[in-house]
C-alpha cells in the first residue's frame, strides 16, 4: 500500500513538471514573438527544449518538497 502511494506521488510530480515545462516554453516563444523576434524552431528542437525544461522543473519540485 505504501508503494502505491509512493508511485502516485512520483507520477503526480512528473505530470506537474511536464505541465510547467509546457507553459514556460510557450511563454518564452510568445514573449519572443511579441518582442519582434522570428524563430523557426523544428519539432525536434521543441522536444529537446521541452524535455530539458521538464527535467529542470522536476528538480525544482523535488527540491521544494524535500524541505
N, C-alpha and C. Protein backbone atom coordinates (compact mmCIF):
# COMPACT_ATOMS: atom_id res chain seq x y z
N UNK A 1 0.82 -1.19 0.00
CA UNK A 1 0.00 0.00 0.00
C UNK A 1 0.86 1.26 0.00
N UNK A 2 1.96 1.24 0.72
CA UNK A 2 2.83 2.41 0.78
C UNK A 2 3.50 2.63 -0.57
N UNK A 3 3.87 1.54 -1.25
CA UNK A 3 4.50 1.64 -2.56
C UNK A 3 3.56 2.31 -3.56
N UNK A 4 2.27 2.00 -3.46
CA UNK A 4 1.29 2.58 -4.37
C UNK A 4 1.21 4.09 -4.19
N UNK A 5 1.24 4.55 -2.96
CA UNK A 5 1.21 5.97 -2.68
C UNK A 5 2.49 6.65 -3.17
N UNK A 6 3.60 5.96 -3.04
CA UNK A 6 4.87 6.50 -3.50
C UNK A 6 4.85 6.67 -5.01
N UNK A 7 4.34 5.67 -5.74
CA UNK A 7 4.26 5.76 -7.20
C UNK A 7 3.30 6.86 -7.63
N UNK A 8 2.20 7.03 -6.89
CA UNK A 8 1.26 8.10 -7.20
C UNK A 8 1.93 9.46 -7.05
N UNK A 9 2.71 9.62 -5.99
CA UNK A 9 3.38 10.88 -5.74
C UNK A 9 4.40 11.19 -6.83
N UNK A 10 5.15 10.18 -7.26
CA UNK A 10 6.15 10.36 -8.32
C UNK A 10 5.45 10.69 -9.65
N UNK A 11 4.38 9.98 -9.96
CA UNK A 11 3.65 10.25 -11.20
C UNK A 11 3.06 11.66 -11.18
N UNK A 12 2.53 12.08 -10.05
CA UNK A 12 1.98 13.42 -9.90
C UNK A 12 3.06 14.47 -10.15
N UNK A 13 4.24 14.28 -9.60
CA UNK A 13 5.33 15.23 -9.79
C UNK A 13 5.79 15.27 -11.24
N UNK A 14 5.81 14.13 -11.91
CA UNK A 14 6.20 14.10 -13.32
C UNK A 14 5.19 14.87 -14.17
N UNK A 15 3.90 14.64 -13.95
CA UNK A 15 2.88 15.35 -14.72
C UNK A 15 2.91 16.85 -14.46
N UNK A 16 3.14 17.24 -13.22
CA UNK A 16 3.24 18.66 -12.90
C UNK A 16 4.45 19.28 -13.59
N UNK A 17 5.58 18.58 -13.60
CA UNK A 17 6.77 19.13 -14.24
C UNK A 17 6.57 19.25 -15.75
N UNK A 18 5.89 18.29 -16.37
CA UNK A 18 5.61 18.39 -17.80
C UNK A 18 4.67 19.55 -18.10
N UNK A 19 3.70 19.77 -17.25
CA UNK A 19 2.77 20.88 -17.43
C UNK A 19 3.50 22.22 -17.28
N UNK A 20 4.34 22.34 -16.26
CA UNK A 20 5.09 23.57 -16.05
C UNK A 20 6.03 23.84 -17.22
N UNK A 21 6.69 22.80 -17.72
CA UNK A 21 7.60 22.96 -18.85
C UNK A 21 6.85 23.42 -20.09
N UNK A 22 5.66 22.90 -20.32
CA UNK A 22 4.86 23.31 -21.47
C UNK A 22 4.49 24.78 -21.38
N UNK A 23 4.04 25.21 -20.21
CA UNK A 23 3.66 26.61 -20.01
C UNK A 23 4.87 27.52 -20.20
N UNK A 24 6.00 27.18 -19.61
CA UNK A 24 7.20 28.00 -19.71
C UNK A 24 7.68 28.10 -21.15
N UNK A 25 7.65 27.00 -21.87
CA UNK A 25 8.10 27.00 -23.26
C UNK A 25 7.23 27.93 -24.12
N UNK A 26 5.93 27.84 -23.97
CA UNK A 26 5.05 28.70 -24.76
C UNK A 26 5.17 30.17 -24.34
N UNK A 27 5.38 30.43 -23.08
CA UNK A 27 5.57 31.81 -22.63
C UNK A 27 6.84 32.39 -23.24
N UNK A 28 7.91 31.60 -23.27
CA UNK A 28 9.16 32.07 -23.87
C UNK A 28 9.00 32.35 -25.37
N UNK A 29 8.34 31.45 -26.08
CA UNK A 29 8.16 31.62 -27.52
C UNK A 29 7.27 32.82 -27.82
N UNK A 30 6.16 32.95 -27.12
CA UNK A 30 5.25 34.07 -27.38
C UNK A 30 5.85 35.41 -26.96
N UNK A 31 6.64 35.42 -25.89
CA UNK A 31 7.27 36.67 -25.50
C UNK A 31 8.34 37.08 -26.51
N UNK A 32 9.02 36.11 -27.10
CA UNK A 32 9.99 36.43 -28.15
C UNK A 32 9.29 36.96 -29.39
N UNK A 33 8.17 36.37 -29.75
CA UNK A 33 7.41 36.87 -30.91
C UNK A 33 6.88 38.25 -30.64
N UNK A 34 6.43 38.50 -29.43
CA UNK A 34 5.91 39.82 -29.07
C UNK A 34 7.01 40.88 -29.14
N UNK A 35 8.23 40.49 -28.82
CA UNK A 35 9.36 41.41 -28.87
C UNK A 35 9.85 41.65 -30.29
N UNK A 36 9.35 40.90 -31.25
CA UNK A 36 9.71 41.11 -32.63
C UNK A 36 10.64 40.07 -33.20
N UNK A 37 11.07 39.11 -32.42
CA UNK A 37 11.96 38.07 -32.92
C UNK A 37 11.15 37.04 -33.69
N UNK A 38 11.74 36.50 -34.70
CA UNK A 38 11.07 35.48 -35.50
C UNK A 38 11.92 34.21 -35.47
N UNK A 39 11.46 33.23 -34.72
CA UNK A 39 12.17 31.97 -34.59
C UNK A 39 11.46 30.89 -35.38
N UNK A 40 12.21 30.13 -36.12
CA UNK A 40 11.64 28.95 -36.77
C UNK A 40 12.27 27.74 -36.09
N UNK A 41 11.52 27.15 -35.20
CA UNK A 41 12.01 26.03 -34.39
C UNK A 41 11.37 24.75 -34.92
N UNK A 42 12.20 23.75 -35.14
CA UNK A 42 11.68 22.47 -35.63
C UNK A 42 11.06 21.67 -34.48
N UNK A 43 10.38 20.61 -34.84
CA UNK A 43 9.74 19.77 -33.82
C UNK A 43 10.77 19.14 -32.89
N UNK A 44 11.91 18.76 -33.43
CA UNK A 44 12.95 18.16 -32.60
C UNK A 44 13.52 19.14 -31.59
N UNK A 45 13.68 20.40 -32.00
CA UNK A 45 14.18 21.42 -31.07
C UNK A 45 13.16 21.71 -29.98
N UNK A 46 11.87 21.73 -30.35
CA UNK A 46 10.82 21.88 -29.34
C UNK A 46 10.88 20.75 -28.33
N UNK A 47 11.04 19.53 -28.82
CA UNK A 47 11.06 18.37 -27.93
C UNK A 47 12.26 18.42 -26.99
N UNK A 48 13.43 18.77 -27.50
CA UNK A 48 14.62 18.83 -26.66
C UNK A 48 14.46 19.93 -25.60
N UNK A 49 13.99 21.09 -26.01
CA UNK A 49 13.79 22.19 -25.07
C UNK A 49 12.75 21.82 -24.03
N UNK A 50 11.66 21.20 -24.45
CA UNK A 50 10.60 20.80 -23.54
C UNK A 50 11.10 19.75 -22.56
N UNK A 51 11.91 18.82 -23.03
CA UNK A 51 12.46 17.78 -22.15
C UNK A 51 13.38 18.39 -21.10
N UNK A 52 14.25 19.29 -21.53
CA UNK A 52 15.17 19.92 -20.58
C UNK A 52 14.42 20.78 -19.55
N UNK A 53 13.40 21.49 -20.00
CA UNK A 53 12.61 22.29 -19.07
C UNK A 53 11.85 21.41 -18.09
N UNK A 54 11.36 20.28 -18.54
CA UNK A 54 10.63 19.39 -17.62
C UNK A 54 11.58 18.78 -16.59
N UNK A 55 12.81 18.47 -17.00
CA UNK A 55 13.80 17.97 -16.03
C UNK A 55 14.12 19.04 -15.01
N UNK A 56 14.29 20.27 -15.48
CA UNK A 56 14.56 21.38 -14.57
C UNK A 56 13.40 21.60 -13.60
N UNK A 57 12.19 21.53 -14.11
CA UNK A 57 11.01 21.68 -13.24
C UNK A 57 10.92 20.53 -12.24
N UNK A 58 11.24 19.32 -12.67
CA UNK A 58 11.22 18.16 -11.77
C UNK A 58 12.24 18.33 -10.65
N UNK A 59 13.43 18.79 -10.98
CA UNK A 59 14.44 19.02 -9.94
C UNK A 59 13.99 20.10 -8.97
N UNK A 60 13.35 21.14 -9.49
CA UNK A 60 12.84 22.19 -8.61
C UNK A 60 11.73 21.71 -7.71
N UNK A 61 10.83 20.90 -8.24
CA UNK A 61 9.75 20.34 -7.44
C UNK A 61 10.30 19.43 -6.35
N UNK A 62 11.24 18.58 -6.72
CA UNK A 62 11.83 17.67 -5.73
C UNK A 62 12.58 18.43 -4.65
N UNK A 63 13.27 19.49 -5.02
CA UNK A 63 13.99 20.29 -4.03
C UNK A 63 12.99 20.99 -3.10
N UNK A 64 11.88 21.47 -3.66
CA UNK A 64 10.88 22.17 -2.85
C UNK A 64 10.23 21.22 -1.85
N UNK A 65 9.88 20.01 -2.26
CA UNK A 65 9.20 19.08 -1.38
C UNK A 65 10.16 18.37 -0.43
N UNK A 66 11.45 18.46 -0.68
CA UNK A 66 12.42 17.82 0.19
C UNK A 66 12.51 18.54 1.54
N UNK A 67 12.26 19.84 1.52
CA UNK A 67 12.38 20.63 2.76
C UNK A 67 11.20 20.48 3.64
